[in-house]
């Protein structure tokens, strides 16, 4: 299998995940100056995305 074919499959997953995280306004435009607060919002956004995916399949 050519590397170009495998890259497209993984790229779509990453782009979809970034689109889900862009729904959170504080993550799409970085308002926070402190890196630790921005990291906390990023972790919270990832947790909410995961929770929504778990709810969708249960």
PDB file of N, CA and C in Angstrom:
ATOM      1  N   UNK A   1       0.851  -1.183   0.000  1.00  0.00           N
ATOM      2  CA  UNK A   1       0.000   0.000   0.000  1.00  0.00           C
ATOM      3  C   UNK A   1       0.891   1.239   0.000  1.00  0.00           C
ATOM      4  N   UNK A   2       0.548   2.178  -0.802  1.00  0.00           N
ATOM      5  CA  UNK A   2       1.313   3.411  -0.916  1.00  0.00           C
ATOM      6  C   UNK A   2       1.038   4.316   0.290  1.00  0.00           C
ATOM      7  N   UNK A   3       2.049   5.053   0.724  1.00  0.00           N
ATOM      8  CA  UNK A   3       1.877   5.945   1.872  1.00  0.00           C
ATOM      9  C   UNK A   3       0.841   7.025   1.623  1.00  0.00           C
ATOM     10  N   UNK A   4       0.676   7.445   0.384  1.00  0.00           N
ATOM     11  CA  UNK A   4      -0.305   8.474   0.066  1.00  0.00           C
ATOM     12  C   UNK A   4      -1.729   8.031   0.342  1.00  0.00           C
ATOM     13  N   UNK A   5      -2.013   6.760   0.172  1.00  0.00           N
ATOM     14  CA  UNK A   5      -3.359   6.249   0.430  1.00  0.00           C
ATOM     15  C   UNK A   5      -3.649   6.189   1.922  1.00  0.00           C
ATOM     16  N   UNK A   6      -2.681   5.776   2.703  1.00  0.00           N
ATOM     17  CA  UNK A   6      -2.893   5.675   4.146  1.00  0.00           C
ATOM     18  C   UNK A   6      -2.990   7.043   4.804  1.00  0.00           C
ATOM     19  N   UNK A   7      -2.297   8.018   4.276  1.00  0.00           N
ATOM     20  CA  UNK A   7      -2.299   9.348   4.871  1.00  0.00           C
ATOM     21  C   UNK A   7      -3.685   9.971   4.800  1.00  0.00           C
ATOM     22  N   UNK A   8      -4.386   9.778   3.714  1.00  0.00           N
ATOM     23  CA  UNK A   8      -5.709  10.368   3.566  1.00  0.00           C
ATOM     24  C   UNK A   8      -6.694   9.881   4.608  1.00  0.00           C
ATOM     25  N   UNK A   9      -6.618   8.635   4.950  1.00  0.00           N
ATOM     26  CA  UNK A   9      -7.528   8.061   5.945  1.00  0.00           C
ATOM     27  C   UNK A   9      -7.292   8.688   7.316  1.00  0.00           C
ATOM     28  N   UNK A  10      -6.059   8.791   7.726  1.00  0.00           N
ATOM     29  CA  UNK A  10      -5.740   9.364   9.042  1.00  0.00           C
ATOM     30  C   UNK A  10      -5.954  10.870   9.053  1.00  0.00           C
ATOM     31  N   UNK A  11      -5.716  11.516   7.960  1.00  0.00           N
ATOM     32  CA  UNK A  11      -5.877  12.962   7.892  1.00  0.00           C
ATOM     33  C   UNK A  11      -7.334  13.351   8.112  1.00  0.00           C
ATOM     34  N   UNK A  12      -8.264  12.588   7.547  1.00  0.00           N
ATOM     35  CA  UNK A  12      -9.680  12.918   7.722  1.00  0.00           C
ATOM     36  C   UNK A  12     -10.101  12.819   9.177  1.00  0.00           C
ATOM     37  N   UNK A  13      -9.584  11.853   9.900  1.00  0.00           N
ATOM     38  CA  UNK A  13      -9.918  11.699  11.316  1.00  0.00           C
ATOM     39  C   UNK A  13      -9.415  12.903  12.101  1.00  0.00           C
ATOM     40  N   UNK A  14      -8.208  13.323  11.825  1.00  0.00           N
ATOM     41  CA  UNK A  14      -7.634  14.470  12.542  1.00  0.00           C
ATOM     42  C   UNK A  14      -8.380  15.751  12.189  1.00  0.00           C
ATOM     43  N   UNK A  15      -8.693  15.945  10.915  1.00  0.00           N
ATOM     44  CA  UNK A  15      -9.410  17.156  10.516  1.00  0.00           C
ATOM     45  C   UNK A  15     -10.802  17.195  11.124  1.00  0.00           C
ATOM     46  N   UNK A  16     -11.455  16.044  11.227  1.00  0.00           N
ATOM     47  CA  UNK A  16     -12.785  15.993  11.838  1.00  0.00           C
ATOM     48  C   UNK A  16     -12.693  16.337  13.321  1.00  0.00           C
ATOM     49  N   UNK A  17     -11.672  15.842  13.983  1.00  0.00           N
ATOM     50  CA  UNK A  17     -11.499  16.136  15.402  1.00  0.00           C
ATOM     51  C   UNK A  17     -11.223  17.619  15.624  1.00  0.00           C
ATOM     52  N   UNK A  18     -10.415  18.208  14.775  1.00  0.00           N
ATOM     53  CA  UNK A  18     -10.161  19.652  14.878  1.00  0.00           C
ATOM     54  C   UNK A  18     -11.443  20.445  14.635  1.00  0.00           C
ATOM     55  N   UNK A  19     -12.276  19.990  13.735  1.00  0.00           N
ATOM     56  CA  UNK A  19     -13.549  20.671  13.489  1.00  0.00           C
ATOM     57  C   UNK A  19     -14.444  20.599  14.722  1.00  0.00           C
ATOM     58  N   UNK A  20     -14.454  19.446  15.397  1.00  0.00           N
ATOM     59  CA  UNK A  20     -15.240  19.329  16.619  1.00  0.00           C
ATOM     60  C   UNK A  20     -14.713  20.269  17.694  1.00  0.00           C
ATOM     61  N   UNK A  21     -13.396  20.398  17.795  1.00  0.00           N
ATOM     62  CA  UNK A  21     -12.828  21.293  18.814  1.00  0.00           C
ATOM     63  C   UNK A  21     -13.054  22.756  18.461  1.00  0.00           C
ATOM     64  N   UNK A  22     -13.189  23.080  17.180  1.00  0.00           N
ATOM     65  CA  UNK A  22     -13.434  24.464  16.781  1.00  0.00           C
ATOM     66  C   UNK A  22     -14.836  24.928  17.125  1.00  0.00           C
ATOM     67  N   UNK A  23     -15.707  24.008  17.515  1.00  0.00           N
ATOM     68  CA  UNK A  23     -17.040  24.422  17.961  1.00  0.00           C
ATOM     69  C   UNK A  23     -16.968  25.181  19.279  1.00  0.00           C
ATOM     70  N   UNK A  24     -15.913  24.955  20.038  1.00  0.00           N
ATOM     71  CA  UNK A  24     -15.734  25.649  21.307  1.00  0.00           C
ATOM     72  C   UNK A  24     -15.028  26.977  21.036  1.00  0.00           C
ATOM     73  N   UNK A  25     -15.727  28.050  21.286  1.00  0.00           N
ATOM     74  CA  UNK A  25     -15.248  29.376  20.895  1.00  0.00           C
ATOM     75  C   UNK A  25     -13.933  29.752  21.577  1.00  0.00           C
ATOM     76  N   UNK A  26     -13.773  29.357  22.819  1.00  0.00           N
ATOM     77  CA  UNK A  26     -12.546  29.711  23.532  1.00  0.00           C
ATOM     78  C   UNK A  26     -11.330  29.001  22.974  1.00  0.00           C
ATOM     79  N   UNK A  27     -11.547  27.895  22.258  1.00  0.00           N
ATOM     80  CA  UNK A  27     -10.431  27.176  21.663  1.00  0.00           C
ATOM     81  C   UNK A  27     -10.140  27.642  20.247  1.00  0.00           C
ATOM     82  N   UNK A  28     -11.174  28.062  19.511  1.00  0.00           N
ATOM     83  CA  UNK A  28     -10.940  28.491  18.132  1.00  0.00           C
ATOM     84  C   UNK A  28     -10.229  29.839  18.084  1.00  0.00           C
ATOM     85  N   UNK A  29     -10.576  30.735  19.021  1.00  0.00           N
ATOM     86  CA  UNK A  29      -9.863  32.009  19.157  1.00  0.00           C
ATOM     87  C   UNK A  29      -9.266  32.009  20.554  1.00  0.00           C
ATOM     88  N   UNK A  30      -7.982  32.109  20.641  1.00  0.00           N
ATOM     89  CA  UNK A  30      -7.332  31.991  21.949  1.00  0.00           C
ATOM     90  C   UNK A  30      -7.425  33.315  22.699  1.00  0.00           C
ATOM     91  N   UNK A  31      -8.342  33.348  23.674  1.00  0.00           N
ATOM     92  CA  UNK A  31      -8.521  34.528  24.505  1.00  0.00           C
ATOM     93  C   UNK A  31      -7.591  34.499  25.718  1.00  0.00           C
ATOM     94  N   UNK A  32      -7.236  33.318  26.136  1.00  0.00           N
ATOM     95  CA  UNK A  32      -6.433  33.176  27.358  1.00  0.00           C
ATOM     96  C   UNK A  32      -4.968  33.483  27.072  1.00  0.00           C
ATOM     97  N   UNK A  33      -4.353  34.269  27.927  1.00  0.00           N
ATOM     98  CA  UNK A  33      -2.933  34.578  27.778  1.00  0.00           C
ATOM     99  C   UNK A  33      -2.059  33.523  28.437  1.00  0.00           C
ATOM    100  N   UNK A  34      -2.566  32.958  29.517  1.00  0.00           N
ATOM    101  CA  UNK A  34      -1.780  31.955  30.243  1.00  0.00           C
ATOM    102  C   UNK A  34      -1.926  30.599  29.574  1.00  0.00           C
ATOM    103  N   UNK A  35      -0.813  29.935  29.401  1.00  0.00           N
ATOM    104  CA  UNK A  35      -0.797  28.647  28.705  1.00  0.00           C
ATOM    105  C   UNK A  35      -1.505  27.561  29.506  1.00  0.00           C
ATOM    106  N   UNK A  36      -1.414  27.609  30.835  1.00  0.00           N
ATOM    107  CA  UNK A  36      -2.047  26.558  31.632  1.00  0.00           C
ATOM    108  C   UNK A  36      -3.568  26.629  31.552  1.00  0.00           C
ATOM    109  N   UNK A  37      -4.120  27.828  31.475  1.00  0.00           N
ATOM    110  CA  UNK A  37      -5.576  27.960  31.347  1.00  0.00           C
ATOM    111  C   UNK A  37      -6.020  27.491  29.967  1.00  0.00           C
ATOM    112  N   UNK A  38      -5.258  27.832  28.934  1.00  0.00           N
ATOM    113  CA  UNK A  38      -5.593  27.376  27.587  1.00  0.00           C
ATOM    114  C   UNK A  38      -5.507  25.845  27.502  1.00  0.00           C
ATOM    115  N   UNK A  39      -4.513  25.262  28.148  1.00  0.00           N
ATOM    116  CA  UNK A  39      -4.386  23.813  28.177  1.00  0.00           C
ATOM    117  C   UNK A  39      -5.581  23.179  28.895  1.00  0.00           C
ATOM    118  N   UNK A  40      -6.031  23.803  29.971  1.00  0.00           N
ATOM    119  CA  UNK A  40      -7.185  23.281  30.703  1.00  0.00           C
ATOM    120  C   UNK A  40      -8.433  23.306  29.823  1.00  0.00           C
ATOM    121  N   UNK A  41      -8.656  24.393  29.080  1.00  0.00           N
ATOM    122  CA  UNK A  41      -9.800  24.457  28.178  1.00  0.00           C
ATOM    123  C   UNK A  41      -9.667  23.442  27.044  1.00  0.00           C
ATOM    124  N   UNK A  42      -8.457  23.205  26.581  1.00  0.00           N
ATOM    125  CA  UNK A  42      -8.243  22.204  25.527  1.00  0.00           C
ATOM    126  C   UNK A  42      -8.574  20.810  26.037  1.00  0.00           C
ATOM    127  N   UNK A  43      -8.141  20.488  27.234  1.00  0.00           N
ATOM    128  CA  UNK A  43      -8.438  19.184  27.829  1.00  0.00           C
ATOM    129  C   UNK A  43      -9.942  19.038  28.056  1.00  0.00           C
ATOM    130  N   UNK A  44     -10.578  20.090  28.529  1.00  0.00           N
ATOM    131  CA  UNK A  44     -12.026  20.059  28.738  1.00  0.00           C
ATOM    132  C   UNK A  44     -12.763  19.855  27.413  1.00  0.00           C
ATOM    133  N   UNK A  45     -12.309  20.540  26.363  1.00  0.00           N
ATOM    134  CA  UNK A  45     -12.926  20.368  25.045  1.00  0.00           C
ATOM    135  C   UNK A  45     -12.770  18.952  24.534  1.00  0.00           C
ATOM    136  N   UNK A  46     -11.583  18.376  24.695  1.00  0.00           N
ATOM    137  CA  UNK A  46     -11.350  16.980  24.269  1.00  0.00           C
ATOM    138  C   UNK A  46     -12.219  16.020  25.064  1.00  0.00           C
ATOM    139  N   UNK A  47     -12.369  16.272  26.352  1.00  0.00           N
ATOM    140  CA  UNK A  47     -13.209  15.408  27.181  1.00  0.00           C
ATOM    141  C   UNK A  47     -14.670  15.488  26.738  1.00  0.00           C
ATOM    142  N   UNK A  48     -15.140  16.678  26.391  1.00  0.00           N
ATOM    143  CA  UNK A  48     -16.520  16.818  25.937  1.00  0.00           C
ATOM    144  C   UNK A  48     -16.747  16.154  24.590  1.00  0.00           C
ATOM    145  N   UNK A  49     -15.772  16.249  23.706  1.00  0.00           N
ATOM    146  CA  UNK A  49     -15.877  15.568  22.410  1.00  0.00           C
ATOM    147  C   UNK A  49     -15.934  14.058  22.620  1.00  0.00           C
ATOM    148  N   UNK A  50     -15.089  13.538  23.485  1.00  0.00           N
ATOM    149  CA  UNK A  50     -15.098  12.096  23.779  1.00  0.00           C
ATOM    150  C   UNK A  50     -16.416  11.677  24.408  1.00  0.00           C
ATOM    151  N   UNK A  51     -16.928  12.468  25.330  1.00  0.00           N
ATOM    152  CA  UNK A  51     -18.198  12.153  25.970  1.00  0.00           C
ATOM    153  C   UNK A  51     -19.330  12.112  24.952  1.00  0.00           C
ATOM    154  N   UNK A  52     -19.350  13.050  24.017  1.00  0.00           N
ATOM    155  CA  UNK A  52     -20.388  13.066  22.987  1.00  0.00           C
ATOM    156  C   UNK A  52     -20.280  11.833  22.099  1.00  0.00           C
ATOM    157  N   UNK A  53     -19.072  11.393  21.805  1.00  0.00           N
ATOM    158  CA  UNK A  53     -18.901  10.191  20.975  1.00  0.00           C
ATOM    159  C   UNK A  53     -19.347   8.939  21.732  1.00  0.00           C
ATOM    160  N   UNK A  54     -19.055   8.873  23.027  1.00  0.00           N
ATOM    161  CA  UNK A  54     -19.480   7.723  23.831  1.00  0.00           C
ATOM    162  C   UNK A  54     -20.999   7.674  23.912  1.00  0.00           C
ATOM    163  N   UNK A  55     -21.624   8.813  24.129  1.00  0.00           N
ATOM    164  CA  UNK A  55     -23.092   8.862  24.186  1.00  0.00           C
ATOM    165  C   UNK A  55     -23.723   8.457  22.869  1.00  0.00           C
ATOM    166  N   UNK A  56     -23.069   8.793  21.779  1.00  0.00           N
ATOM    167  CA  UNK A  56     -23.622   8.493  20.463  1.00  0.00           C
ATOM    168  C   UNK A  56     -23.638   6.991  20.184  1.00  0.00           C
ATOM    169  N   UNK A  57     -22.674   6.257  20.703  1.00  0.00           N
ATOM    170  CA  UNK A  57     -22.580   4.830  20.422  1.00  0.00           C
ATOM    171  C   UNK A  57     -23.241   3.965  21.488  1.00  0.00           C
ATOM    172  N   UNK A  58     -23.684   4.535  22.579  1.00  0.00           N
ATOM    173  CA  UNK A  58     -24.339   3.735  23.636  1.00  0.00           C
ATOM    174  C   UNK A  58     -25.839   3.805  23.532  1.00  0.00           C
TER     175      UNK A  58
END
